[in-house]
C-alpha atoms as a PDB file:
ATOM      1  CA  ALA A   1     104.501 119.013 135.116  1.00  0.00           C
ATOM      2  CA  VAL A   2     107.366 120.856 133.430  1.00  0.00           C
ATOM      3  CA  TYR A   3     107.699 121.170 129.669  1.00  0.00           C
ATOM      4  CA  GLY A   4     108.980 123.462 126.962  1.00  0.00           C
ATOM      5  CA  GLY A   5     106.957 126.136 125.217  1.00  0.00           C
ATOM      6  CA  ALA A   6     105.747 127.569 128.534  1.00  0.00           C
ATOM      7  CA  GLY A   7     107.219 130.127 130.913  1.00  0.00           C
ATOM      8  CA  TYR A   8     109.704 129.148 133.622  1.00  0.00           C
ATOM      9  CA  ASP A   9     108.283 131.175 136.504  1.00  0.00           C
ATOM     10  CA  ALA A  10     105.105 129.172 137.080  1.00  0.00           C
ATOM     11  CA  GLN A  11     107.014 125.908 136.787  1.00  0.00           C
ATOM     12  CA  ARG A  12     109.663 127.077 139.253  1.00  0.00           C
ATOM     13  CA  ARG A  13     106.952 128.060 141.729  1.00  0.00           C
ATOM     14  CA  SER A  14     105.427 124.595 141.405  1.00  0.00           C
ATOM     15  CA  LEU A  15     108.795 122.979 142.081  1.00  0.00           C
ATOM     16  CA  CYS A  16     109.300 125.144 145.162  1.00  0.00           C
ATOM     17  CA  ARG A  17     106.222 123.518 146.706  1.00  0.00           C
ATOM     18  CA  GLY A  18     108.146 120.249 146.943  1.00  0.00           C
ATOM     19  CA  PRO A  19     106.044 117.930 144.776  1.00  0.00           C
ATOM     20  CA  ALA A  20     106.392 114.178 145.275  1.00  0.00           C
ATOM     21  CA  ILE A  21     106.165 113.497 141.526  1.00  0.00           C
ATOM     22  CA  VAL A  22     107.533 115.563 138.643  1.00  0.00           C
ATOM     23  CA  VAL A  23     106.460 114.761 135.080  1.00  0.00           C
ATOM     24  CA  ALA A  24     108.844 116.357 132.598  1.00  0.00           C
ATOM     25  CA  THR A  25     110.014 116.522 129.024  1.00  0.00           C
ATOM     26  CA  PRO A  26     113.777 115.916 128.701  1.00  0.00           C
ATOM     27  CA  GLY A  27     114.674 119.343 127.293  1.00  0.00           C
ATOM     28  CA  ARG A  28     112.920 121.434 129.925  1.00  0.00           C
ATOM     29  CA  LEU A  29     114.136 119.196 132.754  1.00  0.00           C
ATOM     30  CA  GLU A  30     117.732 119.665 131.585  1.00  0.00           C
ATOM     31  CA  ASP A  31     117.196 123.432 131.492  1.00  0.00           C
ATOM     32  CA  LEU A  32     115.872 123.437 135.055  1.00  0.00           C
ATOM     33  CA  LEU A  33     118.783 121.278 136.218  1.00  0.00           C
ATOM     34  CA  ALA A  34     121.261 123.683 134.616  1.00  0.00           C
ATOM     35  CA  ARG A  35     119.567 126.653 136.315  1.00  0.00           C
ATOM     36  CA  GLY A  36     119.643 124.922 139.698  1.00  0.00           C
ATOM     37  CA  ASP A  37     115.859 124.961 139.988  1.00  0.00           C
ATOM     38  CA  ILE A  38     115.687 121.220 140.607  1.00  0.00           C
ATOM     39  CA  VAL A  39     118.034 118.549 141.941  1.00  0.00           C
ATOM     40  CA  LEU A  40     117.637 114.796 141.577  1.00  0.00           C
ATOM     41  CA  ASP A  41     119.768 113.648 144.532  1.00  0.00           C
ATOM     42  CA  ASP A  42     116.776 112.261 146.432  1.00  0.00           C
ATOM     43  CA  VAL A  43     114.905 110.643 143.546  1.00  0.00           C
ATOM     44  CA  SER A  44     113.707 107.164 144.500  1.00  0.00           C
ATOM     45  CA  PHE A  45     112.025 106.253 141.210  1.00  0.00           C
ATOM     46  CA  ALA A  46     112.827 107.266 137.636  1.00  0.00           C
ATOM     47  CA  VAL A  47     110.269 106.403 134.952  1.00  0.00           C
ATOM     48  CA  VAL A  48     111.004 106.633 131.228  1.00  0.00           C
ATOM     49  CA  ASP A  49     107.702 106.477 129.348  1.00  0.00           C
ATOM     50  CA  GLU A  50     107.505 105.654 125.625  1.00  0.00           C
ATOM     51  CA  ALA A  51     111.238 105.033 125.508  1.00  0.00           C
ATOM     52  CA  ASP A  52     111.078 103.748 121.927  1.00  0.00           C
ATOM     53  CA  ARG A  53     109.398 106.931 120.705  1.00  0.00           C
ATOM     54  CA  MET A  54     111.922 109.125 122.510  1.00  0.00           C
ATOM     55  CA  ALA A  55     114.661 107.110 120.820  1.00  0.00           C
ATOM     56  CA  ASP A  56     113.031 107.719 117.429  1.00  0.00           C
ATOM     57  CA  MET A  57     112.876 111.463 118.123  1.00  0.00           C
ATOM     58  CA  GLY A  58     116.492 111.720 119.300  1.00  0.00           C
ATOM     59  CA  PHE A  59     115.772 112.427 122.976  1.00  0.00           C
ATOM     60  CA  LEU A  60     117.731 109.545 124.514  1.00  0.00           C
ATOM     61  CA  PRO A  61     121.031 111.462 124.921  1.00  0.00           C
ATOM     62  CA  ALA A  62     119.175 113.955 127.113  1.00  0.00           C
ATOM     63  CA  VAL A  63     117.472 111.101 128.979  1.00  0.00           C
ATOM     64  CA  ARG A  64     120.863 109.507 129.673  1.00  0.00           C
ATOM     65  CA  ARG A  65     122.286 112.783 130.995  1.00  0.00           C
ATOM     66  CA  ILE A  66     119.293 113.176 133.306  1.00  0.00           C
ATOM     67  CA  LEU A  67     119.529 109.609 134.603  1.00  0.00           C
ATOM     68  CA  ASP A  68     123.258 110.083 135.212  1.00  0.00           C
ATOM     69  CA  THR A  69     122.365 113.037 137.443  1.00  0.00           C
ATOM     70  CA  ALA A  70     119.799 111.181 139.532  1.00  0.00           C
ATOM     71  CA  ARG A  71     120.570 109.208 142.674  1.00  0.00           C
ATOM     72  CA  PRO A  72     122.303 105.926 141.721  1.00  0.00           C
ATOM     73  CA  ASN A  73     120.417 103.652 144.121  1.00  0.00           C
ATOM     74  CA  ARG A  74     116.990 104.315 142.660  1.00  0.00           C
ATOM     75  CA  GLN A  75     114.516 102.122 140.830  1.00  0.00           C
ATOM     76  CA  THR A  76     114.308 102.735 137.086  1.00  0.00           C
ATOM     77  CA  LEU A  77     111.251 101.762 135.062  1.00  0.00           C
ATOM     78  CA  LEU A  78     111.012 101.777 131.266  1.00  0.00           C
ATOM     79  CA  PHE A  79     107.765 101.687 129.327  1.00  0.00           C
ATOM     80  CA  SER A  80     108.247 100.863 125.673  1.00  0.00           C
ATOM     81  CA  ALA A  81     106.584  99.112 122.746  1.00  0.00           C
ATOM     82  CA  THR A  82     109.976  97.549 121.939  1.00  0.00           C
ATOM     83  CA  LEU A  83     113.030  96.708 124.034  1.00  0.00           C
ATOM     84  CA  ASP A  84     115.730  96.557 121.392  1.00  0.00           C
ATOM     85  CA  GLY A  85     118.230  98.955 119.832  1.00  0.00           C
ATOM     86  CA  ASP A  86     118.757 102.186 121.754  1.00  0.00           C
ATOM     87  CA  VAL A  87     116.200 101.178 124.368  1.00  0.00           C
ATOM     88  CA  ASP A  88     118.228  98.063 125.132  1.00  0.00           C
ATOM     89  CA  VAL A  89     121.208 100.364 125.767  1.00  0.00           C
ATOM     90  CA  LEU A  90     119.190 102.084 128.502  1.00  0.00           C
ATOM     91  CA  VAL A  91     118.242  98.726 129.993  1.00  0.00           C
ATOM     92  CA  LYS A  92     121.851  97.551 130.198  1.00  0.00           C
ATOM     93  CA  ARG A  93     123.197 100.866 131.465  1.00  0.00           C
ATOM     94  CA  TYR A  94     120.632 101.791 134.092  1.00  0.00           C
ATOM     95  CA  GLN A  95     118.984  98.585 135.285  1.00  0.00           C
ATOM     96  CA  ARG A  96     120.320  95.719 137.364  1.00  0.00           C
ATOM     97  CA  ASN A  97     118.566  92.359 137.320  1.00  0.00           C
ATOM     98  CA  PRO A  98     115.496  93.870 135.659  1.00  0.00           C
ATOM     99  CA  ALA A  99     112.121  92.166 135.670  1.00  0.00           C
ATOM    100  CA  ARG A 100     110.353  92.241 132.317  1.00  0.00           C
ATOM    101  CA  HIS A 101     106.568  92.401 132.060  1.00  0.00           C
ATOM    102  CA  ASP A 102     104.788  91.995 128.716  1.00  0.00           C
ATOM    103  CA  VAL A 103     101.371  93.585 129.004  1.00  0.00           C
ATOM    104  CA  ALA A 104      98.833  93.082 126.242  1.00  0.00           C
ATOM    105  CA  GLU A 105      96.537  96.027 125.696  1.00  0.00           C
ATOM    106  CA  VAL A 106      93.033  95.454 126.986  1.00  0.00           C
ATOM    107  CA  ASP A 107      90.839  94.428 124.068  1.00  0.00           C
ATOM    108  CA  ASN A 108      88.206  97.108 124.423  1.00  0.00           C
ATOM    109  CA  GLN A 109      88.590  98.452 120.916  1.00  0.00           C
ATOM    110  CA  GLY A 110      85.491  99.036 118.866  1.00  0.00           C
ATOM    111  CA  ASP A 111      84.859  98.153 115.267  1.00  0.00           C
ATOM    112  CA  VAL A 112      87.277 100.223 113.183  1.00  0.00           C
ATOM    113  CA  ASP A 113      87.285 100.473 109.399  1.00  0.00           C
ATOM    114  CA  HIS A 114      90.751 100.761 107.829  1.00  0.00           C
ATOM    115  CA  LEU A 115      90.479 102.221 104.336  1.00  0.00           C
ATOM    116  CA  PHE A 116      93.328 102.849 101.901  1.00  0.00           C
ATOM    117  CA  TRP A 117      92.334 105.178  99.085  1.00  0.00           C
ATOM    118  CA  SER A 118      94.583 105.505  96.065  1.00  0.00           C
ATOM    119  CA  VAL A 119      93.907 109.039  94.802  1.00  0.00           C
ATOM    120  CA  GLU A 120      95.715 111.831  92.998  1.00  0.00           C
ATOM    121  CA  ARG A 121      97.186 114.438  95.329  1.00  0.00           C
ATOM    122  CA  ASP A 122      94.986 117.223  93.976  1.00  0.00           C
ATOM    123  CA  ARG A 123      91.899 115.343  95.200  1.00  0.00           C
ATOM    124  CA  ARG A 124      93.047 114.764  98.762  1.00  0.00           C
ATOM    125  CA  ILE A 125      92.013 118.156 100.116  1.00  0.00           C
ATOM    126  CA  GLY A 126      88.405 117.818  98.998  1.00  0.00           C
ATOM    127  CA  LEU A 127      88.195 114.239 100.229  1.00  0.00           C
ATOM    128  CA  THR A 128      89.646 115.207 103.615  1.00  0.00           C
ATOM    129  CA  ALA A 129      87.150 118.049 103.977  1.00  0.00           C
ATOM    130  CA  GLY A 130      84.341 115.685 103.014  1.00  0.00           C
ATOM    131  CA  LEU A 131      85.406 113.104 105.595  1.00  0.00           C
ATOM    132  CA  VAL A 132      85.430 115.736 108.326  1.00  0.00           C
ATOM    133  CA  LYS A 133      81.966 116.975 107.343  1.00  0.00           C
ATOM    134  CA  ARG A 134      80.509 113.487 107.131  1.00  0.00           C
ATOM    135  CA  HIS A 135      81.849 112.297 110.485  1.00  0.00           C
ATOM    136  CA  GLY A 136      81.602 115.568 112.391  1.00  0.00           C
ATOM    137  CA  SER A 137      85.239 115.740 113.469  1.00  0.00           C
ATOM    138  CA  ALA A 138      88.583 114.158 112.641  1.00  0.00           C
ATOM    139  CA  MET A 139      92.262 114.133 113.466  1.00  0.00           C
ATOM    140  CA  VAL A 140      94.315 114.618 110.303  1.00  0.00           C
ATOM    141  CA  PHE A 141      98.006 113.729 110.115  1.00  0.00           C
ATOM    142  CA  CYS A 142     100.591 115.397 107.893  1.00  0.00           C
ATOM    143  CA  ARG A 143     104.263 114.592 107.434  1.00  0.00           C
ATOM    144  CA  THR A 144     105.649 118.127 107.875  1.00  0.00           C
ATOM    145  CA  LYS A 145     104.892 121.280 109.849  1.00  0.00           C
ATOM    146  CA  HIS A 146     104.577 123.303 106.650  1.00  0.00           C
ATOM    147  CA  GLY A 147     102.187 120.738 105.228  1.00  0.00           C
ATOM    148  CA  ALA A 148     100.038 120.854 108.371  1.00  0.00           C
ATOM    149  CA  ASP A 149      99.766 124.650 108.199  1.00  0.00           C
ATOM    150  CA  ARG A 150      98.949 124.585 104.486  1.00  0.00           C
ATOM    151  CA  LEU A 151      96.262 121.926 104.866  1.00  0.00           C
ATOM    152  CA  THR A 152      94.724 123.812 107.788  1.00  0.00           C
ATOM    153  CA  ARG A 153      94.377 126.944 105.635  1.00  0.00           C
ATOM    154  CA  GLN A 154      92.856 124.912 102.808  1.00  0.00           C
ATOM    155  CA  LEU A 155      90.334 123.239 105.102  1.00  0.00           C
ATOM    156  CA  VAL A 156      89.310 126.591 106.591  1.00  0.00           C
ATOM    157  CA  ALA A 157      88.829 127.973 103.082  1.00  0.00           C
ATOM    158  CA  ALA A 158      86.626 124.955 102.321  1.00  0.00           C
ATOM    159  CA  GLY A 159      84.374 125.802 105.253  1.00  0.00           C
ATOM    160  CA  ILE A 160      85.894 123.425 107.824  1.00  0.00           C
ATOM    161  CA  GLY A 161      86.895 124.692 111.253  1.00  0.00           C
ATOM    162  CA  ALA A 162      90.502 123.522 111.572  1.00  0.00           C
ATOM    163  CA  VAL A 163      93.561 124.147 113.738  1.00  0.00           C
ATOM    164  CA  ALA A 164      97.120 122.831 113.493  1.00  0.00           C
ATOM    165  CA  ILE A 165      99.544 121.617 116.138  1.00  0.00           C
ATOM    166  CA  HIS A 166     103.222 121.027 115.452  1.00  0.00           C
ATOM    167  CA  GLY A 167     106.694 121.782 116.744  1.00  0.00           C
ATOM    168  CA  ASN A 168     106.618 125.457 115.755  1.00  0.00           C
ATOM    169  CA  ARG A 169     103.589 126.131 117.954  1.00  0.00           C
ATOM    170  CA  THR A 170     104.102 127.303 121.514  1.00  0.00           C
ATOM    171  CA  GLN A 171     102.673 125.228 124.334  1.00  0.00           C
ATOM    172  CA  ALA A 172      99.978 127.840 124.868  1.00  0.00           C
ATOM    173  CA  GLN A 173      99.008 127.686 121.189  1.00  0.00           C
ATOM    174  CA  ARG A 174      98.853 123.892 121.316  1.00  0.00           C
ATOM    175  CA  GLU A 175      96.660 123.952 124.409  1.00  0.00           C
ATOM    176  CA  ARG A 176      94.271 126.466 122.819  1.00  0.00           C
ATOM    177  CA  ALA A 177      94.077 124.391 119.645  1.00  0.00           C
ATOM    178  CA  LEU A 178      93.399 121.213 121.587  1.00  0.00           C
ATOM    179  CA  ALA A 179      90.757 122.927 123.726  1.00  0.00           C
ATOM    180  CA  ALA A 180      89.004 124.215 120.602  1.00  0.00           C
ATOM    181  CA  PHE A 181      88.948 120.710 119.128  1.00  0.00           C
ATOM    182  CA  ARG A 182      87.748 119.045 122.315  1.00  0.00           C
ATOM    183  CA  SER A 183      84.949 121.567 122.764  1.00  0.00           C
ATOM    184  CA  GLY A 184      83.782 121.211 119.162  1.00  0.00           C
ATOM    185  CA  LYS A 185      84.596 124.799 118.187  1.00  0.00           C
ATOM    186  CA  VAL A 186      86.676 123.351 115.355  1.00  0.00           C
ATOM    187  CA  GLN A 187      86.096 120.065 113.576  1.00  0.00           C
ATOM    188  CA  ALA A 188      89.591 119.151 112.379  1.00  0.00           C
ATOM    189  CA  LEU A 189      92.830 118.887 114.341  1.00  0.00           C
ATOM    190  CA  VAL A 190      95.734 118.773 111.871  1.00  0.00           C
ATOM    191  CA  ALA A 191      98.896 117.405 113.453  1.00  0.00           C
ATOM    192  CA  THR A 192     102.378 116.109 112.847  1.00  0.00           C
ATOM    193  CA  ASP A 193     103.404 112.837 114.471  1.00  0.00           C
ATOM    194  CA  VAL A 194     105.719 114.407 117.055  1.00  0.00           C
ATOM    195  CA  ALA A 195     103.254 117.107 118.137  1.00  0.00           C
ATOM    196  CA  ALA A 196     100.424 114.596 118.526  1.00  0.00           C
ATOM    197  CA  ARG A 197     102.295 112.392 120.984  1.00  0.00           C
ATOM    198  CA  GLY A 198     100.458 112.184 124.275  1.00  0.00           C
ATOM    199  CA  ILE A 199      97.273 113.795 122.978  1.00  0.00           C
ATOM    200  CA  HIS A 200      94.159 112.050 124.274  1.00  0.00           C
ATOM    201  CA  VAL A 201      90.769 113.115 122.977  1.00  0.00           C
ATOM    202  CA  GLU A 202      87.707 110.982 123.624  1.00  0.00           C
ATOM    203  CA  GLY A 203      85.152 110.279 120.932  1.00  0.00           C
ATOM    204  CA  VAL A 204      87.187 110.985 117.779  1.00  0.00           C
ATOM    205  CA  PRO A 205      85.179 109.242 115.024  1.00  0.00           C
ATOM    206  CA  CYS A 206      87.659 109.584 112.176  1.00  0.00           C
ATOM    207  CA  VAL A 207      91.421 109.636 111.585  1.00  0.00           C
ATOM    208  CA  VAL A 208      92.814 110.725 108.217  1.00  0.00           C
ATOM    209  CA  HIS A 209      96.364 110.002 107.097  1.00  0.00           C
ATOM    210  CA  PHE A 210      96.669 112.900 104.637  1.00  0.00           C
ATOM    211  CA  ASP A 211     100.294 111.831 104.282  1.00  0.00           C
ATOM    212  CA  PRO A 212     100.752 108.071 104.836  1.00  0.00           C
ATOM    213  CA  ALA A 213     102.486 106.974 108.030  1.00  0.00           C
ATOM    214  CA  ALA A 214     106.194 106.174 107.857  1.00  0.00           C
ATOM    215  CA  ASP A 215     105.740 102.633 109.181  1.00  0.00           C
ATOM    216  CA  HIS A 216     103.231 100.381 110.920  1.00  0.00           C
ATOM    217  CA  LYS A 217     104.172 101.704 114.380  1.00  0.00           C
ATOM    218  CA  ASP A 218     103.389 105.282 113.393  1.00  0.00           C
ATOM    219  CA  TYR A 219     100.210 104.045 111.720  1.00  0.00           C
ATOM    220  CA  LEU A 220      99.063 102.444 114.970  1.00  0.00           C
ATOM    221  CA  HIS A 221      99.913 105.521 117.046  1.00  0.00           C
ATOM    222  CA  ARG A 222      97.948 107.752 114.682  1.00  0.00           C
ATOM    223  CA  SER A 223      95.020 105.407 114.197  1.00  0.00           C
ATOM    224  CA  GLY A 224      94.671 104.694 117.914  1.00  0.00           C
ATOM    225  CA  ARG A 225      92.913 108.057 118.329  1.00  0.00           C
ATOM    226  CA  THR A 226      89.651 106.464 117.159  1.00  0.00           C
ATOM    227  CA  GLY A 227      87.737 103.345 118.171  1.00  0.00           C
ATOM    228  CA  ARG A 228      88.479 103.742 121.871  1.00  0.00           C
ATOM    229  CA  ALA A 229      86.485 102.241 124.724  1.00  0.00           C
ATOM    230  CA  GLY A 230      84.396 100.070 122.438  1.00  0.00           C
ATOM    231  CA  ALA A 231      83.365 102.873 120.077  1.00  0.00           C
ATOM    232  CA  SER A 232      83.419 102.476 116.306  1.00  0.00           C
ATOM    233  CA  GLY A 233      85.633 104.549 114.042  1.00  0.00           C
ATOM    234  CA  ILE A 234      87.103 104.957 110.596  1.00  0.00           C
ATOM    235  CA  VAL A 235      90.740 105.363 109.543  1.00  0.00           C
ATOM    236  CA  VAL A 236      91.439 106.578 106.010  1.00  0.00           C
ATOM    237  CA  THR A 237      94.871 106.669 104.366  1.00  0.00           C
ATOM    238  CA  LEU A 238      95.213 108.822 101.244  1.00  0.00           C
ATOM    239  CA  LEU A 239      98.081 107.707  99.040  1.00  0.00           C
ATOM    240  CA  GLY A 240      99.566 108.127  95.602  1.00  0.00           C
ATOM    241  CA  ASN A 241     101.406 105.653  93.405  1.00  0.00           C
ATOM    242  CA  GLU A 242     104.697 106.534  95.094  1.00  0.00           C
ATOM    243  CA  HIS A 243     103.365 105.308  98.456  1.00  0.00           C
ATOM    244  CA  ARG A 244     101.970 101.946  97.367  1.00  0.00           C
ATOM    245  CA  ALA A 245     104.933  99.769  98.328  1.00  0.00           C
ATOM    246  CA  ALA A 246     105.299 101.400 101.753  1.00  0.00           C
ATOM    247  CA  VAL A 247     101.572 101.163 102.484  1.00  0.00           C
ATOM    248  CA  ARG A 248     101.494  97.492 101.556  1.00  0.00           C
ATOM    249  CA  GLY A 249     104.341  96.990 104.024  1.00  0.00           C
ATOM    250  CA  ILE A 250     102.208  98.648 106.706  1.00  0.00           C
ATOM    251  CA  GLN A 251      99.269  96.427 105.824  1.00  0.00           C
ATOM    252  CA  ARG A 252     101.422  93.308 106.049  1.00  0.00           C
ATOM    253  CA  GLY A 253     102.864  94.410 109.384  1.00  0.00           C
ATOM    254  CA  LEU A 254      99.369  94.835 110.840  1.00  0.00           C
ATOM    255  CA  GLY A 255      97.736  91.818 109.239  1.00  0.00           C
ATOM    256  CA  LEU A 256      95.362  93.976 107.192  1.00  0.00           C
ATOM    257  CA  PRO A 257      94.228  92.977 103.691  1.00  0.00           C
ATOM    258  CA  GLU A 258      96.728  94.173 101.088  1.00  0.00           C
ATOM    259  CA  ARG A 259      94.413  96.101  98.833  1.00  0.00           C
ATOM    260  CA  LEU A 260      94.012  99.665  97.662  1.00  0.00           C
ATOM    261  CA  ASP A 261      90.757 101.212  96.486  1.00  0.00           C
ATOM    262  CA  GLN A 262      89.285 104.311  95.030  1.00  0.00           C
ATOM    263  CA  PRO A 263      87.105 106.190  97.536  1.00  0.00           C
ATOM    264  CA  ASP A 264      83.931 104.274  98.329  1.00  0.00           C
ATOM    265  CA  GLY A 265      80.974 106.459  97.403  1.00  0.00           C
ATOM    266  CA  ALA A 266      83.231 109.433  96.726  1.00  0.00           C
ATOM    267  CA  ALA A 267      80.244 111.672  95.994  1.00  0.00           C
ATOM    268  CA  HIS A 268      79.307 111.468  99.683  1.00  0.00           C
ATOM    269  CA  TYR A 269      82.759 112.721 100.670  1.00  0.00           C
ATOM    270  CA  ARG A 270      83.131 115.395  98.023  1.00  0.00           C
ATOM    271  CA  VAL A 271      83.732 118.998  99.019  1.00  0.00           C
ATOM    272  CA  GLU A 272      84.657 121.525  96.366  1.00  0.00           C
ATOM    273  CA  VAL A 273      87.677 123.592  97.377  1.00  0.00           C
ATOM    274  CA  ALA A 274      87.747 127.241  96.335  1.00  0.00           C
ATOM    275  CA  PRO A 275      90.531 128.043  93.854  1.00  0.00           C
ATOM    276  CA  HIS A 276      92.281 130.393  96.277  1.00  0.00           C
ATOM    277  CA  ALA A 277      92.388 127.703  98.948  1.00  0.00           C
ATOM    278  CA  ALA A 278      94.647 125.337  97.081  1.00  0.00           C
ATOM    279  CA  ALA A 279      96.965 124.998  94.154  1.00  0.00           C
ATOM    280  CA  PRO A 280      95.355 125.316  90.686  1.00  0.00           C
ATOM    281  CA  THR A 281      92.923 122.538  89.699  1.00  0.00           C
ATOM    282  CA  ARG A 282      92.637 121.211  93.241  1.00  0.00           C
ATOM    283  CA  HIS A 283      89.146 119.775  93.620  1.00  0.00           C
ATOM    284  CA  ALA A 284      87.387 116.542  94.464  1.00  0.00           C
ATOM    285  CA  ALA A 285      85.703 114.396  91.828  1.00  0.00           C
ATOM    286  CA  ALA A 286      83.469 111.374  92.161  1.00  0.00           C
ATOM    287  CA  THR A 287      84.526 107.963  90.901  1.00  0.00           C
ATOM    288  CA  ARG A 288      82.742 104.645  90.549  1.00  0.00           C
ATOM    289  CA  PRO A 289      82.338 103.105  94.005  1.00  0.00           C
ATOM    290  CA  LYS A 290      84.396 100.017  94.721  1.00  0.00           C
ATOM    291  CA  PRO A 291      84.259  97.594  97.649  1.00  0.00           C
ATOM    292  CA  ARG A 292      85.902  99.070 100.690  1.00  0.00           C
ATOM    293  CA  VAL A 293      88.428  97.373 102.919  1.00  0.00           C
ATOM    294  CA  ARG A 294      87.086  96.615 106.354  1.00  0.00           C
ATOM    295  CA  ALA A 295      89.213  95.220 109.132  1.00  0.00           C
ATOM    296  CA  THR A 296      89.259  95.407 112.895  1.00  0.00           C
ATOM    297  CA  ARG A 297      92.259  97.291 114.218  1.00  0.00           C
ATOM    298  CA  ARG A 298      94.777  95.109 115.974  1.00  0.00           C
ATOM    299  CA  SER A 299      96.399  96.476 119.058  1.00  0.00           C
ATOM    300  CA  GLY A 300     100.049  96.027 119.840  1.00  0.00           C
ATOM    301  CA  ASN A 301     101.719  95.086 123.083  1.00  0.00           C
ATOM    302  CA  ARG A 302     103.018  97.551 125.616  1.00  0.00           C
ATOM    303  CA  ARG A 303     105.912  96.409 127.721  1.00  0.00           C
ATOM    304  CA  LEU A 304     106.928  97.444 131.200  1.00  0.00           C
ATOM    305  CA  GLN A 305     110.558  96.931 132.159  1.00  0.00           C
ATOM    306  CA  SER A 306     111.529  97.553 135.752  1.00  0.00           C
ATOM    307  CA  GLY A 307     114.630  96.964 137.800  1.00  0.00           C
ATOM    308  CA  ARG A 308     116.923  98.380 140.375  1.00  0.00           C
END
């Protein structure tokens, strides 16, 4: 495996052993190609995984340059949740007479609660800390790198073991953070969408959208960290009035009930945040319990496109 955020020497030594399969991120693979540390003249198979997500993150130009470098008479496989837009450009440019396979995800998902709590922003920190304490551990998603760092500090100040992963962290820092979360040394892994791609942790009981997902696809990617292999889980989205229209669009896209609630039994989730841990007046307060939204998470399709 070759990827950014790690030193070149160990990766070059691995390549010198002549591996049959190389798994790479586009940026680091381009760097190694430019340095002459790897050549793709003898590649028989090229696999582009999560092509739609790489398109969303702006990686497809690099992917195209890499595929242009590889041996022309190879087999190219694309894995993607969608096969339109920029992904369709890859299909038309690099595949001949492709065979399309629509593969439904195996229905081994457990019973997952999807809750949408309409709360003021100054209450979200305490509610997030309370969710982590109640469920033992949680993955928490923020929209920005700065927001992830800030929330991590606030959770630590509230007595929650927390670490952040995002694009400004080195690969070594990400691996240490992930190891600490997997081992239970910390209870909360605070992540941005891009940094969390490809992370697989078994037994996560709770996912918190501290900042609501951008769309239903991001919501599914985030929420899929819980309820795996038949286990139960809970997914909580914290939103303000400005997010209501977008969240209802997500609910419609996933077939979830279009309703927003105050936290159910907020006293059970309450954690007081010290004044120095957050902006002034940031604390959690209990409200009258209301019925909570309960729905089983629906899994999307994953498509495999292959062709020569």
